[in-house]
């Protein structure tokens, strides 16, 4: 193989790699972006009783911010609809006066960290994975 052919091959591979990186860097699909309110949550232990607390999720490109029952959480989200990758980042450390709600929040965050699929249908966002399912409505 000549030098020019090798260089052309290397440049083609580099172009493919850069295209893949650019696609991955785009973050969450546009259908996922926006502000959402949690309407139901379940995990291996069953339905989570949010005790009237307002749990929200605001998704913008590859970043998201959520208000849990007690704390605020930062997230990174890529992909979706369909396969999605969710990484839980920084989180405040406020305590709830209601200890049961603190337990629910732990279950919620664990479920959120295990999300592998995101689907949007008629104003409803469903995040699911092996840990459970979270259903939101658009605000």
C-alpha atoms as a PDB file:
ATOM      1  CA  UNK A   1       0.000   0.000   0.000  1.00  0.00           C
ATOM      2  CA  UNK A   2       1.410   3.359  -0.981  1.00  0.00           C
ATOM      3  CA  UNK A   3       1.918   6.264   1.347  1.00  0.00           C
ATOM      4  CA  UNK A   4      -0.959   8.261  -0.190  1.00  0.00           C
ATOM      5  CA  UNK A   5      -3.376   5.324   0.171  1.00  0.00           C
ATOM      6  CA  UNK A   6      -2.406   4.844   3.837  1.00  0.00           C
ATOM      7  CA  UNK A   7      -2.878   8.540   4.532  1.00  0.00           C
ATOM      8  CA  UNK A   8      -6.284   8.498   2.828  1.00  0.00           C
ATOM      9  CA  UNK A   9      -7.311   5.480   4.930  1.00  0.00           C
ATOM     10  CA  UNK A  10      -6.153   7.145   8.154  1.00  0.00           C
ATOM     11  CA  UNK A  11      -8.024  10.339   7.305  1.00  0.00           C
ATOM     12  CA  UNK A  12     -11.202   8.368   6.514  1.00  0.00           C
ATOM     13  CA  UNK A  13     -11.061   6.561   9.875  1.00  0.00           C
ATOM     14  CA  UNK A  14     -10.374   9.842  11.697  1.00  0.00           C
ATOM     15  CA  UNK A  15     -13.375  11.408   9.966  1.00  0.00           C
ATOM     16  CA  UNK A  16     -15.631   8.554  11.066  1.00  0.00           C
ATOM     17  CA  UNK A  17     -14.393   8.836  14.648  1.00  0.00           C
ATOM     18  CA  UNK A  18     -14.982  12.582  14.715  1.00  0.00           C
ATOM     19  CA  UNK A  19     -18.470  12.155  13.283  1.00  0.00           C
ATOM     20  CA  UNK A  20     -19.294   9.626  16.014  1.00  0.00           C
ATOM     21  CA  UNK A  21     -17.946  11.947  18.714  1.00  0.00           C
ATOM     22  CA  UNK A  22     -19.976  14.863  17.377  1.00  0.00           C
ATOM     23  CA  UNK A  23     -23.152  12.775  17.441  1.00  0.00           C
ATOM     24  CA  UNK A  24     -22.477  11.620  21.015  1.00  0.00           C
ATOM     25  CA  UNK A  25     -21.765  15.169  22.163  1.00  0.00           C
ATOM     26  CA  UNK A  26     -25.216  16.355  21.084  1.00  0.00           C
ATOM     27  CA  UNK A  27     -26.789  15.159  24.301  1.00  0.00           C
ATOM     28  CA  UNK A  28     -30.421  14.299  24.851  1.00  0.00           C
ATOM     29  CA  UNK A  29     -32.774  14.098  21.907  1.00  0.00           C
ATOM     30  CA  UNK A  30     -34.884  17.200  21.332  1.00  0.00           C
ATOM     31  CA  UNK A  31     -38.065  15.301  22.278  1.00  0.00           C
ATOM     32  CA  UNK A  32     -36.654  14.818  25.809  1.00  0.00           C
ATOM     33  CA  UNK A  33     -35.685  18.445  26.279  1.00  0.00           C
ATOM     34  CA  UNK A  34     -37.915  20.646  28.389  1.00  0.00           C
ATOM     35  CA  UNK A  35     -39.412  20.710  31.860  1.00  0.00           C
ATOM     36  CA  UNK A  36     -41.130  17.655  33.321  1.00  0.00           C
ATOM     37  CA  UNK A  37     -43.024  16.786  36.539  1.00  0.00           C
ATOM     38  CA  UNK A  38     -42.873  13.261  37.978  1.00  0.00           C
ATOM     39  CA  UNK A  39     -46.335  11.660  38.086  1.00  0.00           C
ATOM     40  CA  UNK A  40     -45.403   8.105  39.083  1.00  0.00           C
ATOM     41  CA  UNK A  41     -42.340   6.140  40.101  1.00  0.00           C
ATOM     42  CA  UNK A  42     -41.805   2.460  40.786  1.00  0.00           C
ATOM     43  CA  UNK A  43     -38.879   0.172  41.486  1.00  0.00           C
ATOM     44  CA  UNK A  44     -38.328  -3.374  42.728  1.00  0.00           C
ATOM     45  CA  UNK A  45     -40.004  -2.419  46.007  1.00  0.00           C
ATOM     46  CA  UNK A  46     -43.151  -1.167  44.253  1.00  0.00           C
ATOM     47  CA  UNK A  47     -44.771   2.256  43.807  1.00  0.00           C
ATOM     48  CA  UNK A  48     -43.035   5.199  45.447  1.00  0.00           C
ATOM     49  CA  UNK A  49     -45.332   7.399  47.559  1.00  0.00           C
ATOM     50  CA  UNK A  50     -44.018  10.923  46.974  1.00  0.00           C
ATOM     51  CA  UNK A  51     -46.297  12.248  49.726  1.00  0.00           C
ATOM     52  CA  UNK A  52     -47.399  15.198  47.625  1.00  0.00           C
ATOM     53  CA  UNK A  53     -43.869  16.476  46.965  1.00  0.00           C
ATOM     54  CA  UNK A  54     -43.157  18.075  43.609  1.00  0.00           C
ATOM     55  CA  UNK A  55     -40.400  16.212  41.761  1.00  0.00           C
ATOM     56  CA  UNK A  56     -39.284  17.850  38.521  1.00  0.00           C
ATOM     57  CA  UNK A  57     -36.707  17.348  35.799  1.00  0.00           C
ATOM     58  CA  UNK A  58     -35.454  20.048  33.408  1.00  0.00           C
ATOM     59  CA  UNK A  59     -33.490  18.667  30.423  1.00  0.00           C
ATOM     60  CA  UNK A  60     -31.387  20.906  28.173  1.00  0.00           C
ATOM     61  CA  UNK A  61     -29.193  19.161  25.591  1.00  0.00           C
ATOM     62  CA  UNK A  62     -26.781  16.970  27.619  1.00  0.00           C
ATOM     63  CA  UNK A  63     -27.470  18.464  31.053  1.00  0.00           C
ATOM     64  CA  UNK A  64     -30.413  18.129  33.360  1.00  0.00           C
ATOM     65  CA  UNK A  65     -31.362  19.444  36.761  1.00  0.00           C
ATOM     66  CA  UNK A  66     -33.865  17.750  38.958  1.00  0.00           C
ATOM     67  CA  UNK A  67     -35.712  18.716  42.099  1.00  0.00           C
ATOM     68  CA  UNK A  68     -36.181  15.539  44.120  1.00  0.00           C
ATOM     69  CA  UNK A  69     -38.432  15.217  47.149  1.00  0.00           C
ATOM     70  CA  UNK A  70     -35.660  16.704  49.328  1.00  0.00           C
ATOM     71  CA  UNK A  71     -32.626  17.636  47.227  1.00  0.00           C
ATOM     72  CA  UNK A  72     -31.505  19.065  43.911  1.00  0.00           C
ATOM     73  CA  UNK A  73     -29.578  16.775  41.568  1.00  0.00           C
ATOM     74  CA  UNK A  74     -27.475  17.494  38.479  1.00  0.00           C
ATOM     75  CA  UNK A  75     -27.484  14.944  35.654  1.00  0.00           C
ATOM     76  CA  UNK A  76     -25.880  14.263  32.304  1.00  0.00           C
ATOM     77  CA  UNK A  77     -28.193  12.750  29.698  1.00  0.00           C
ATOM     78  CA  UNK A  78     -27.273  11.516  26.236  1.00  0.00           C
ATOM     79  CA  UNK A  79     -29.413   9.734  23.665  1.00  0.00           C
ATOM     80  CA  UNK A  80     -33.114   9.188  23.427  1.00  0.00           C
ATOM     81  CA  UNK A  81     -35.750   8.663  22.520  1.00  0.00           C
ATOM     82  CA  UNK A  82     -34.847   5.018  22.797  1.00  0.00           C
ATOM     83  CA  UNK A  83     -31.528   4.100  24.368  1.00  0.00           C
ATOM     84  CA  UNK A  84     -30.305   6.747  26.784  1.00  0.00           C
ATOM     85  CA  UNK A  85     -27.413   7.148  29.198  1.00  0.00           C
ATOM     86  CA  UNK A  86     -28.067   8.965  32.482  1.00  0.00           C
ATOM     87  CA  UNK A  87     -25.264   9.883  34.870  1.00  0.00           C
ATOM     88  CA  UNK A  88     -26.168  11.309  38.259  1.00  0.00           C
ATOM     89  CA  UNK A  89     -23.750  14.071  39.219  1.00  0.00           C
ATOM     90  CA  UNK A  90     -23.671  16.543  42.079  1.00  0.00           C
ATOM     91  CA  UNK A  91     -26.499  16.549  44.582  1.00  0.00           C
ATOM     92  CA  UNK A  92     -27.354  18.807  47.491  1.00  0.00           C
ATOM     93  CA  UNK A  93     -27.337  17.234  50.944  1.00  0.00           C
ATOM     94  CA  UNK A  94     -30.438  18.641  52.582  1.00  0.00           C
ATOM     95  CA  UNK A  95     -32.325  16.392  54.937  1.00  0.00           C
ATOM     96  CA  UNK A  96     -36.077  15.945  54.781  1.00  0.00           C
ATOM     97  CA  UNK A  97     -37.921  16.218  58.059  1.00  0.00           C
ATOM     98  CA  UNK A  98     -39.911  13.182  56.955  1.00  0.00           C
ATOM     99  CA  UNK A  99     -37.531  10.182  57.096  1.00  0.00           C
ATOM    100  CA  UNK A 100     -39.849   8.130  54.870  1.00  0.00           C
ATOM    101  CA  UNK A 101     -39.434  10.769  52.164  1.00  0.00           C
ATOM    102  CA  UNK A 102     -35.642  10.521  52.473  1.00  0.00           C
ATOM    103  CA  UNK A 103     -35.943   6.778  51.790  1.00  0.00           C
ATOM    104  CA  UNK A 104     -38.179   7.481  48.771  1.00  0.00           C
ATOM    105  CA  UNK A 105     -35.658   9.997  47.470  1.00  0.00           C
ATOM    106  CA  UNK A 106     -32.867   7.393  47.702  1.00  0.00           C
ATOM    107  CA  UNK A 107     -35.015   4.955  45.739  1.00  0.00           C
ATOM    108  CA  UNK A 108     -35.837   7.667  43.170  1.00  0.00           C
ATOM    109  CA  UNK A 109     -32.154   8.566  42.651  1.00  0.00           C
ATOM    110  CA  UNK A 110     -31.202   4.883  42.375  1.00  0.00           C
ATOM    111  CA  UNK A 111     -33.929   4.379  39.761  1.00  0.00           C
ATOM    112  CA  UNK A 112     -32.816   7.508  37.893  1.00  0.00           C
ATOM    113  CA  UNK A 113     -29.203   6.280  37.830  1.00  0.00           C
ATOM    114  CA  UNK A 114     -30.296   2.993  36.268  1.00  0.00           C
ATOM    115  CA  UNK A 115     -32.271   4.514  33.394  1.00  0.00           C
ATOM    116  CA  UNK A 116     -31.396   2.988  30.006  1.00  0.00           C
ATOM    117  CA  UNK A 117     -34.455   3.917  27.919  1.00  0.00           C
ATOM    118  CA  UNK A 118     -36.373   7.157  27.397  1.00  0.00           C
ATOM    119  CA  UNK A 119     -39.653   7.371  25.506  1.00  0.00           C
ATOM    120  CA  UNK A 120     -41.866  10.394  24.827  1.00  0.00           C
ATOM    121  CA  UNK A 121     -45.522   9.921  23.925  1.00  0.00           C
ATOM    122  CA  UNK A 122     -48.190  12.634  23.897  1.00  0.00           C
ATOM    123  CA  UNK A 123     -46.611  14.859  26.568  1.00  0.00           C
ATOM    124  CA  UNK A 124     -45.436  11.962  28.734  1.00  0.00           C
ATOM    125  CA  UNK A 125     -41.774  11.093  29.326  1.00  0.00           C
ATOM    126  CA  UNK A 126     -41.072   7.564  30.532  1.00  0.00           C
ATOM    127  CA  UNK A 127     -37.582   6.768  31.813  1.00  0.00           C
ATOM    128  CA  UNK A 128     -36.971   3.100  32.527  1.00  0.00           C
ATOM    129  CA  UNK A 129     -34.284   0.546  33.242  1.00  0.00           C
ATOM    130  CA  UNK A 130     -33.650  -2.543  35.335  1.00  0.00           C
ATOM    131  CA  UNK A 131     -34.074  -0.494  38.526  1.00  0.00           C
ATOM    132  CA  UNK A 132     -37.596   0.730  37.708  1.00  0.00           C
ATOM    133  CA  UNK A 133     -39.756   3.211  35.808  1.00  0.00           C
ATOM    134  CA  UNK A 134     -40.233   6.976  36.185  1.00  0.00           C
ATOM    135  CA  UNK A 135     -43.116   8.708  34.404  1.00  0.00           C
ATOM    136  CA  UNK A 136     -43.239  12.486  33.914  1.00  0.00           C
ATOM    137  CA  UNK A 137     -45.643  14.920  32.245  1.00  0.00           C
ATOM    138  CA  UNK A 138     -44.481  18.007  30.378  1.00  0.00           C
ATOM    139  CA  UNK A 139     -44.899  21.278  32.264  1.00  0.00           C
END
